[in-house]
Amino acid sequence: MKEVALTEPLVDTVELKALVTDPCPVLTLDLYTVTSADLSFKVPFSLTAKRSDFIHAIIAWFDIEFTACHKQIRFSTGPHTKYTHWKQTVFYLRDVLTIEEGEVVTGFLENKPNEKNKRDLDIKISYTFETQDETRFSEGTLEYKM
């Protein structure tokens, strides 16, 4: 059953207390100037543990600002705000990470439109985790076609 769960991300609500790290912004797009080419990207991320715990997944959401209008509108689809129908996207890890407060998971998030269907996305998340005392090391790659 685990293999089936890892084939595509889960769109669901995540409770704020379930987050082990602070959020890390990965990309900012200007809706006035964004091009199709901007939707293909590979960006680094770094997540620092706020407490000692287990990491089962990487969570994604978006924040948006409409500032070039009469009444500015800002909202987030993250777990720290009111529920939206977009919820959050949960990318489960193959192996659970045991992390101590202050340790860091680093990696890259790669996104591109699917070649067969431009409305679909090909997402690749690669990550590396090494403990402060170098006793544990983990790395992995998650690939999705959404």
N, C-alpha and C. Protein backbone atom coordinates (compact mmCIF):
# COMPACT_ATOMS: atom_id res chain seq x y z
N MET A 1 0.81 -1.19 0.00
CA MET A 1 0.00 0.00 0.00
C MET A 1 0.86 1.26 0.00
N LYS A 2 2.03 1.18 0.63
CA LYS A 2 2.93 2.33 0.69
C LYS A 2 3.34 2.78 -0.71
N GLU A 3 3.64 1.83 -1.59
CA GLU A 3 4.06 2.17 -2.95
C GLU A 3 2.97 2.94 -3.69
N VAL A 4 1.73 2.55 -3.49
CA VAL A 4 0.61 3.25 -4.13
C VAL A 4 0.52 4.67 -3.60
N ALA A 5 0.67 4.83 -2.29
CA ALA A 5 0.59 6.16 -1.67
C ALA A 5 1.70 7.08 -2.15
N LEU A 6 2.82 6.53 -2.56
CA LEU A 6 3.96 7.34 -2.99
C LEU A 6 3.90 7.71 -4.47
N THR A 7 2.92 7.21 -5.20
CA THR A 7 2.87 7.48 -6.64
C THR A 7 2.34 8.87 -6.97
N GLU A 8 1.57 9.47 -6.07
CA GLU A 8 1.11 10.83 -6.31
C GLU A 8 0.92 11.54 -4.99
N PRO A 9 1.11 12.85 -4.99
CA PRO A 9 0.97 13.59 -3.73
C PRO A 9 -0.48 13.61 -3.28
N LEU A 10 -0.66 13.85 -2.00
CA LEU A 10 -1.98 13.93 -1.40
C LEU A 10 -2.35 15.40 -1.24
N VAL A 11 -3.53 15.79 -1.68
CA VAL A 11 -4.03 17.15 -1.44
C VAL A 11 -4.98 17.05 -0.26
N ASP A 12 -4.58 17.66 0.85
CA ASP A 12 -5.36 17.56 2.08
C ASP A 12 -4.95 18.69 3.01
N THR A 13 -5.68 18.83 4.11
CA THR A 13 -5.30 19.83 5.10
C THR A 13 -4.29 19.21 6.06
N VAL A 14 -3.32 20.02 6.44
CA VAL A 14 -2.28 19.60 7.38
C VAL A 14 -2.40 20.52 8.59
N GLU A 15 -2.42 19.94 9.77
CA GLU A 15 -2.50 20.75 10.98
C GLU A 15 -1.15 21.44 11.22
N LEU A 16 -1.21 22.68 11.68
CA LEU A 16 -0.01 23.46 11.94
C LEU A 16 0.93 22.73 12.90
N LYS A 17 0.37 22.07 13.90
CA LYS A 17 1.21 21.38 14.89
C LYS A 17 1.97 20.19 14.29
N ALA A 18 1.60 19.76 13.10
CA ALA A 18 2.30 18.65 12.44
C ALA A 18 3.58 19.11 11.74
N LEU A 19 3.74 20.42 11.54
CA LEU A 19 4.93 20.92 10.85
C LEU A 19 6.13 20.88 11.79
N VAL A 20 7.21 20.32 11.32
CA VAL A 20 8.43 20.15 12.11
C VAL A 20 9.42 21.28 11.83
N THR A 21 9.31 21.90 10.66
CA THR A 21 10.25 22.97 10.28
C THR A 21 9.47 24.26 10.02
N ASP A 22 10.21 25.35 9.94
CA ASP A 22 9.62 26.60 9.47
C ASP A 22 9.46 26.50 7.96
N PRO A 23 8.53 27.27 7.38
CA PRO A 23 8.39 27.24 5.92
C PRO A 23 9.62 27.84 5.23
N CYS A 24 9.78 27.47 3.99
CA CYS A 24 10.89 27.97 3.18
C CYS A 24 10.33 28.39 1.83
N PRO A 25 10.31 29.69 1.54
CA PRO A 25 9.83 30.09 0.20
C PRO A 25 10.77 29.58 -0.87
N VAL A 26 10.20 29.07 -1.98
CA VAL A 26 11.06 28.52 -3.03
C VAL A 26 10.98 29.30 -4.33
N LEU A 27 9.89 30.03 -4.57
CA LEU A 27 9.75 30.73 -5.85
C LEU A 27 8.75 31.86 -5.72
N THR A 28 9.07 32.99 -6.33
CA THR A 28 8.14 34.12 -6.41
C THR A 28 7.92 34.43 -7.87
N LEU A 29 6.66 34.51 -8.26
CA LEU A 29 6.30 34.84 -9.64
C LEU A 29 5.47 36.11 -9.66
N ASP A 30 5.72 36.97 -10.63
CA ASP A 30 4.92 38.17 -10.85
C ASP A 30 3.91 37.83 -11.95
N LEU A 31 2.64 37.84 -11.62
CA LEU A 31 1.62 37.43 -12.58
C LEU A 31 1.53 38.37 -13.79
N TYR A 32 2.06 39.60 -13.67
CA TYR A 32 2.09 40.51 -14.80
C TYR A 32 3.17 40.17 -15.82
N THR A 33 4.24 39.60 -15.34
CA THR A 33 5.39 39.40 -16.23
C THR A 33 5.77 37.93 -16.43
N VAL A 34 5.10 37.01 -15.75
CA VAL A 34 5.45 35.59 -15.84
C VAL A 34 5.29 35.09 -17.27
N THR A 35 6.21 34.23 -17.68
CA THR A 35 6.15 33.62 -19.01
C THR A 35 6.05 32.11 -18.85
N SER A 36 5.74 31.43 -19.91
CA SER A 36 5.68 29.96 -19.88
C SER A 36 7.02 29.38 -19.45
N ALA A 37 8.10 30.00 -19.88
CA ALA A 37 9.44 29.51 -19.53
C ALA A 37 9.68 29.58 -18.02
N ASP A 38 9.06 30.56 -17.34
CA ASP A 38 9.23 30.70 -15.90
C ASP A 38 8.62 29.53 -15.12
N LEU A 39 7.74 28.77 -15.76
CA LEU A 39 7.07 27.66 -15.08
C LEU A 39 7.92 26.39 -15.04
N SER A 40 9.05 26.44 -15.72
CA SER A 40 10.04 25.36 -15.61
C SER A 40 11.18 25.90 -14.77
N PHE A 41 11.40 25.28 -13.62
CA PHE A 41 12.43 25.81 -12.72
C PHE A 41 13.00 24.69 -11.86
N LYS A 42 14.17 24.95 -11.34
CA LYS A 42 14.81 24.09 -10.35
C LYS A 42 15.38 25.02 -9.29
N VAL A 43 14.82 24.95 -8.08
CA VAL A 43 15.21 25.87 -7.02
C VAL A 43 15.61 25.10 -5.76
N PRO A 44 16.58 25.65 -5.02
CA PRO A 44 17.01 24.98 -3.79
C PRO A 44 16.03 25.27 -2.64
N PHE A 45 16.04 24.39 -1.65
CA PHE A 45 15.32 24.67 -0.41
C PHE A 45 16.14 24.18 0.77
N SER A 46 15.86 24.76 1.93
CA SER A 46 16.53 24.40 3.16
C SER A 46 15.51 24.47 4.29
N LEU A 47 15.32 23.37 5.00
CA LEU A 47 14.33 23.28 6.06
C LEU A 47 15.03 22.95 7.37
N THR A 48 14.92 23.84 8.35
CA THR A 48 15.56 23.65 9.65
C THR A 48 14.52 23.20 10.67
N ALA A 49 14.82 22.14 11.39
CA ALA A 49 13.89 21.58 12.37
C ALA A 49 13.71 22.52 13.55
N LYS A 50 12.45 22.75 13.92
CA LYS A 50 12.11 23.57 15.09
C LYS A 50 12.13 22.73 16.36
N ARG A 51 12.03 21.42 16.21
CA ARG A 51 12.00 20.52 17.36
C ARG A 51 12.49 19.14 16.90
N SER A 52 12.81 18.30 17.84
CA SER A 52 13.18 16.92 17.52
C SER A 52 11.91 16.15 17.23
N ASP A 53 11.88 15.46 16.10
CA ASP A 53 10.65 14.79 15.68
C ASP A 53 10.96 13.90 14.48
N PHE A 54 9.90 13.45 13.82
CA PHE A 54 10.02 12.65 12.61
C PHE A 54 9.45 13.44 11.44
N ILE A 55 10.09 13.33 10.28
CA ILE A 55 9.58 13.97 9.06
C ILE A 55 9.10 12.86 8.14
N HIS A 56 7.81 12.89 7.83
CA HIS A 56 7.19 11.89 6.98
C HIS A 56 6.97 12.40 5.56
N ALA A 57 6.95 13.75 5.41
CA ALA A 57 6.57 14.32 4.11
C ALA A 57 7.09 15.74 4.01
N ILE A 58 7.07 16.25 2.79
CA ILE A 58 7.33 17.66 2.52
C ILE A 58 5.99 18.25 2.10
N ILE A 59 5.64 19.38 2.69
CA ILE A 59 4.34 20.01 2.46
C ILE A 59 4.54 21.25 1.60
N ALA A 60 3.64 21.44 0.63
CA ALA A 60 3.71 22.62 -0.24
C ALA A 60 2.38 23.36 -0.22
N TRP A 61 2.46 24.67 -0.36
CA TRP A 61 1.28 25.52 -0.50
C TRP A 61 1.71 26.81 -1.16
N PHE A 62 0.75 27.66 -1.47
CA PHE A 62 1.12 28.94 -2.07
C PHE A 62 0.49 30.09 -1.31
N ASP A 63 1.19 31.21 -1.36
CA ASP A 63 0.70 32.49 -0.85
C ASP A 63 0.56 33.38 -2.07
N ILE A 64 -0.46 34.23 -2.05
CA ILE A 64 -0.69 35.09 -3.21
C ILE A 64 -1.03 36.50 -2.76
N GLU A 65 -0.58 37.47 -3.57
CA GLU A 65 -0.87 38.88 -3.31
C GLU A 65 -1.33 39.53 -4.61
N PHE A 66 -2.49 40.15 -4.57
CA PHE A 66 -2.96 40.98 -5.67
C PHE A 66 -2.84 42.41 -5.19
N THR A 67 -1.76 43.08 -5.58
CA THR A 67 -1.46 44.41 -5.02
C THR A 67 -1.71 45.54 -6.01
N ALA A 68 -1.92 45.23 -7.28
CA ALA A 68 -2.10 46.28 -8.28
C ALA A 68 -3.60 46.48 -8.56
N CYS A 69 -4.37 46.62 -7.49
CA CYS A 69 -5.80 46.83 -7.64
C CYS A 69 -6.27 47.80 -6.56
N HIS A 70 -7.51 48.24 -6.64
CA HIS A 70 -8.01 49.23 -5.69
C HIS A 70 -7.93 48.73 -4.25
N LYS A 71 -8.39 47.51 -4.05
CA LYS A 71 -8.31 46.91 -2.72
C LYS A 71 -7.37 45.70 -2.80
N GLN A 72 -6.23 45.82 -2.15
CA GLN A 72 -5.25 44.75 -2.20
C GLN A 72 -5.78 43.50 -1.51
N ILE A 73 -5.47 42.36 -2.09
CA ILE A 73 -5.92 41.08 -1.54
C ILE A 73 -4.70 40.20 -1.34
N ARG A 74 -4.60 39.62 -0.15
CA ARG A 74 -3.51 38.70 0.17
C ARG A 74 -4.12 37.52 0.90
N PHE A 75 -3.66 36.33 0.55
CA PHE A 75 -4.05 35.16 1.33
C PHE A 75 -3.05 34.04 1.13
N SER A 76 -3.14 33.06 2.00
CA SER A 76 -2.26 31.91 1.96
C SER A 76 -3.12 30.65 1.96
N THR A 77 -2.60 29.60 1.35
CA THR A 77 -3.27 28.31 1.39
C THR A 77 -2.56 27.38 2.37
N GLY A 78 -1.69 27.94 3.20
CA GLY A 78 -0.89 27.14 4.13
C GLY A 78 -1.65 26.69 5.36
N PRO A 79 -1.04 25.79 6.12
CA PRO A 79 -1.68 25.25 7.32
C PRO A 79 -1.77 26.26 8.47
N HIS A 80 -1.09 27.39 8.36
CA HIS A 80 -1.10 28.40 9.41
C HIS A 80 -2.25 29.40 9.26
N THR A 81 -3.09 29.22 8.24
CA THR A 81 -4.18 30.16 8.00
C THR A 81 -5.52 29.44 7.91
N LYS A 82 -6.57 30.23 7.65
CA LYS A 82 -7.89 29.64 7.48
C LYS A 82 -7.91 28.68 6.30
N TYR A 83 -8.76 27.69 6.41
CA TYR A 83 -8.93 26.67 5.36
C TYR A 83 -9.32 27.31 4.02
N THR A 84 -8.72 26.81 2.94
CA THR A 84 -9.15 27.15 1.58
C THR A 84 -9.38 25.84 0.84
N HIS A 85 -10.10 25.89 -0.24
CA HIS A 85 -10.35 24.66 -0.99
C HIS A 85 -9.10 24.13 -1.66
N TRP A 86 -8.02 24.92 -1.74
CA TRP A 86 -6.77 24.45 -2.32
C TRP A 86 -6.02 23.52 -1.37
N LYS A 87 -6.26 23.68 -0.07
CA LYS A 87 -5.63 22.86 0.96
C LYS A 87 -4.10 22.94 0.83
N GLN A 88 -3.40 21.85 1.16
CA GLN A 88 -1.95 21.77 0.98
C GLN A 88 -1.64 20.50 0.18
N THR A 89 -0.44 20.46 -0.38
CA THR A 89 -0.01 19.27 -1.11
C THR A 89 1.04 18.56 -0.27
N VAL A 90 0.82 17.28 -0.04
CA VAL A 90 1.68 16.46 0.81
C VAL A 90 2.48 15.51 -0.07
N PHE A 91 3.80 15.67 -0.05
CA PHE A 91 4.71 14.80 -0.80
C PHE A 91 5.36 13.85 0.22
N TYR A 92 4.86 12.62 0.30
CA TYR A 92 5.38 11.67 1.28
C TYR A 92 6.79 11.20 0.91
N LEU A 93 7.64 11.07 1.92
CA LEU A 93 9.00 10.55 1.75
C LEU A 93 8.96 9.02 1.78
N ARG A 94 9.86 8.39 1.05
CA ARG A 94 9.94 6.93 1.08
C ARG A 94 10.37 6.44 2.47
N ASP A 95 11.31 7.15 3.06
CA ASP A 95 11.82 6.78 4.39
C ASP A 95 11.59 7.93 5.35
N VAL A 96 11.11 7.64 6.52
CA VAL A 96 10.88 8.65 7.55
C VAL A 96 12.23 9.14 8.05
N LEU A 97 12.37 10.46 8.21
CA LEU A 97 13.60 11.04 8.74
C LEU A 97 13.43 11.30 10.23
N THR A 98 14.40 10.90 11.02
CA THR A 98 14.44 11.24 12.44
C THR A 98 15.35 12.45 12.56
N ILE A 99 14.78 13.58 12.98
CA ILE A 99 15.54 14.83 12.96
C ILE A 99 15.57 15.44 14.36
N GLU A 100 16.66 16.08 14.69
CA GLU A 100 16.82 16.77 15.96
C GLU A 100 16.68 18.28 15.72
N GLU A 101 16.24 18.99 16.75
CA GLU A 101 16.10 20.44 16.64
C GLU A 101 17.38 21.07 16.10
N GLY A 102 17.24 21.94 15.11
CA GLY A 102 18.39 22.64 14.53
C GLY A 102 19.00 21.94 13.33
N GLU A 103 18.70 20.67 13.12
CA GLU A 103 19.23 19.97 11.95
C GLU A 103 18.48 20.42 10.70
N VAL A 104 19.12 20.23 9.54
CA VAL A 104 18.61 20.81 8.30
C VAL A 104 18.46 19.75 7.21
N VAL A 105 17.33 19.83 6.51
CA VAL A 105 17.11 19.05 5.30
C VAL A 105 17.26 20.02 4.14
N THR A 106 18.13 19.69 3.18
CA THR A 106 18.32 20.56 2.02
C THR A 106 17.96 19.79 0.76
N GLY A 107 17.71 20.53 -0.29
CA GLY A 107 17.40 19.85 -1.54
C GLY A 107 17.00 20.80 -2.64
N PHE A 108 16.38 20.22 -3.67
CA PHE A 108 15.93 20.98 -4.83
C PHE A 108 14.51 20.58 -5.19
N LEU A 109 13.73 21.57 -5.57
CA LEU A 109 12.40 21.36 -6.11
C LEU A 109 12.46 21.71 -7.58
N GLU A 110 12.11 20.75 -8.41
CA GLU A 110 12.15 20.96 -9.86
C GLU A 110 10.73 20.80 -10.41
N ASN A 111 10.32 21.72 -11.24
CA ASN A 111 8.96 21.72 -11.79
C ASN A 111 9.02 22.05 -13.27
N LYS A 112 8.19 21.37 -14.05
CA LYS A 112 8.05 21.72 -15.47
C LYS A 112 6.71 21.20 -15.97
N PRO A 113 6.13 21.90 -16.94
CA PRO A 113 4.89 21.39 -17.53
C PRO A 113 5.16 20.05 -18.21
N ASN A 114 4.20 19.15 -18.12
CA ASN A 114 4.31 17.85 -18.75
C ASN A 114 4.32 18.01 -20.26
N GLU A 115 5.18 17.27 -20.95
CA GLU A 115 5.31 17.41 -22.41
C GLU A 115 4.04 16.99 -23.15
N LYS A 116 3.32 16.00 -22.65
CA LYS A 116 2.12 15.53 -23.32
C LYS A 116 0.89 16.37 -23.02
N ASN A 117 0.79 16.87 -21.80
CA ASN A 117 -0.35 17.68 -21.40
C ASN A 117 0.17 18.88 -20.63
N LYS A 118 0.19 20.05 -21.22
CA LYS A 118 0.77 21.26 -20.63
C LYS A 118 0.06 21.70 -19.36
N ARG A 119 -1.15 21.17 -19.10
CA ARG A 119 -1.86 21.51 -17.86
C ARG A 119 -1.38 20.65 -16.69
N ASP A 120 -0.68 19.58 -16.99
CA ASP A 120 -0.12 18.71 -15.95
C ASP A 120 1.30 19.16 -15.64
N LEU A 121 1.78 18.77 -14.46
CA LEU A 121 3.12 19.14 -14.03
C LEU A 121 3.96 17.90 -13.77
N ASP A 122 5.23 18.00 -14.07
CA ASP A 122 6.21 17.00 -13.67
C ASP A 122 7.02 17.63 -12.54
N ILE A 123 6.97 17.03 -11.38
CA ILE A 123 7.63 17.58 -10.19
C ILE A 123 8.64 16.58 -9.69
N LYS A 124 9.84 17.08 -9.37
CA LYS A 124 10.90 16.26 -8.81
C LYS A 124 11.43 16.96 -7.57
N ILE A 125 11.46 16.25 -6.46
CA ILE A 125 12.00 16.79 -5.21
C ILE A 125 13.15 15.89 -4.80
N SER A 126 14.34 16.46 -4.72
CA SER A 126 15.49 15.70 -4.23
C SER A 126 15.91 16.33 -2.90
N TYR A 127 16.32 15.48 -1.97
CA TYR A 127 16.68 16.01 -0.65
C TYR A 127 17.85 15.24 -0.07
N THR A 128 18.56 15.92 0.83
CA THR A 128 19.68 15.34 1.56
C THR A 128 19.54 15.75 3.02
N PHE A 129 19.82 14.80 3.89
CA PHE A 129 19.76 15.06 5.32
C PHE A 129 20.93 14.37 5.99
N GLU A 130 21.72 15.14 6.72
CA GLU A 130 22.84 14.57 7.48
C GLU A 130 22.76 15.15 8.88
N THR A 131 22.87 14.29 9.89
CA THR A 131 22.76 14.76 11.27
C THR A 131 23.97 15.59 11.65
N GLN A 132 23.79 16.38 12.71
CA GLN A 132 24.88 17.25 13.16
C GLN A 132 26.13 16.46 13.56
N ASP A 133 25.91 15.28 14.13
CA ASP A 133 27.07 14.48 14.56
C ASP A 133 27.50 13.47 13.49
N GLU A 134 26.92 13.60 12.28
CA GLU A 134 27.25 12.77 11.12
C GLU A 134 27.04 11.28 11.33
N THR A 135 26.15 10.91 12.28
CA THR A 135 25.89 9.48 12.51
C THR A 135 24.79 8.95 11.60
N ARG A 136 23.97 9.85 11.08
CA ARG A 136 22.89 9.43 10.18
C ARG A 136 22.91 10.29 8.93
N PHE A 137 22.66 9.64 7.81
CA PHE A 137 22.63 10.34 6.53
C PHE A 137 21.48 9.75 5.72
N SER A 138 20.74 10.61 5.06
CA SER A 138 19.65 10.13 4.22
C SER A 138 19.53 11.05 3.02
N GLU A 139 19.17 10.48 1.90
CA GLU A 139 18.89 11.27 0.71
C GLU A 139 17.83 10.55 -0.09
N GLY A 140 17.12 11.30 -0.89
CA GLY A 140 16.08 10.67 -1.68
C GLY A 140 15.61 11.57 -2.79
N THR A 141 14.85 11.00 -3.70
CA THR A 141 14.26 11.74 -4.81
C THR A 141 12.83 11.28 -4.96
N LEU A 142 11.93 12.23 -5.07
CA LEU A 142 10.52 11.97 -5.29
C LEU A 142 10.17 12.52 -6.65
N GLU A 143 9.47 11.75 -7.46
CA GLU A 143 9.07 12.22 -8.80
C GLU A 143 7.59 11.99 -9.00
N TYR A 144 6.91 13.02 -9.48
CA TYR A 144 5.46 12.97 -9.67
C TYR A 144 5.06 13.55 -11.01
N LYS A 145 4.03 12.99 -11.58
CA LYS A 145 3.38 13.56 -12.74
C LYS A 145 1.96 13.90 -12.29
N MET A 146 1.67 15.19 -12.26
CA MET A 146 0.37 15.63 -11.72
C MET A 146 -0.45 16.29 -12.81
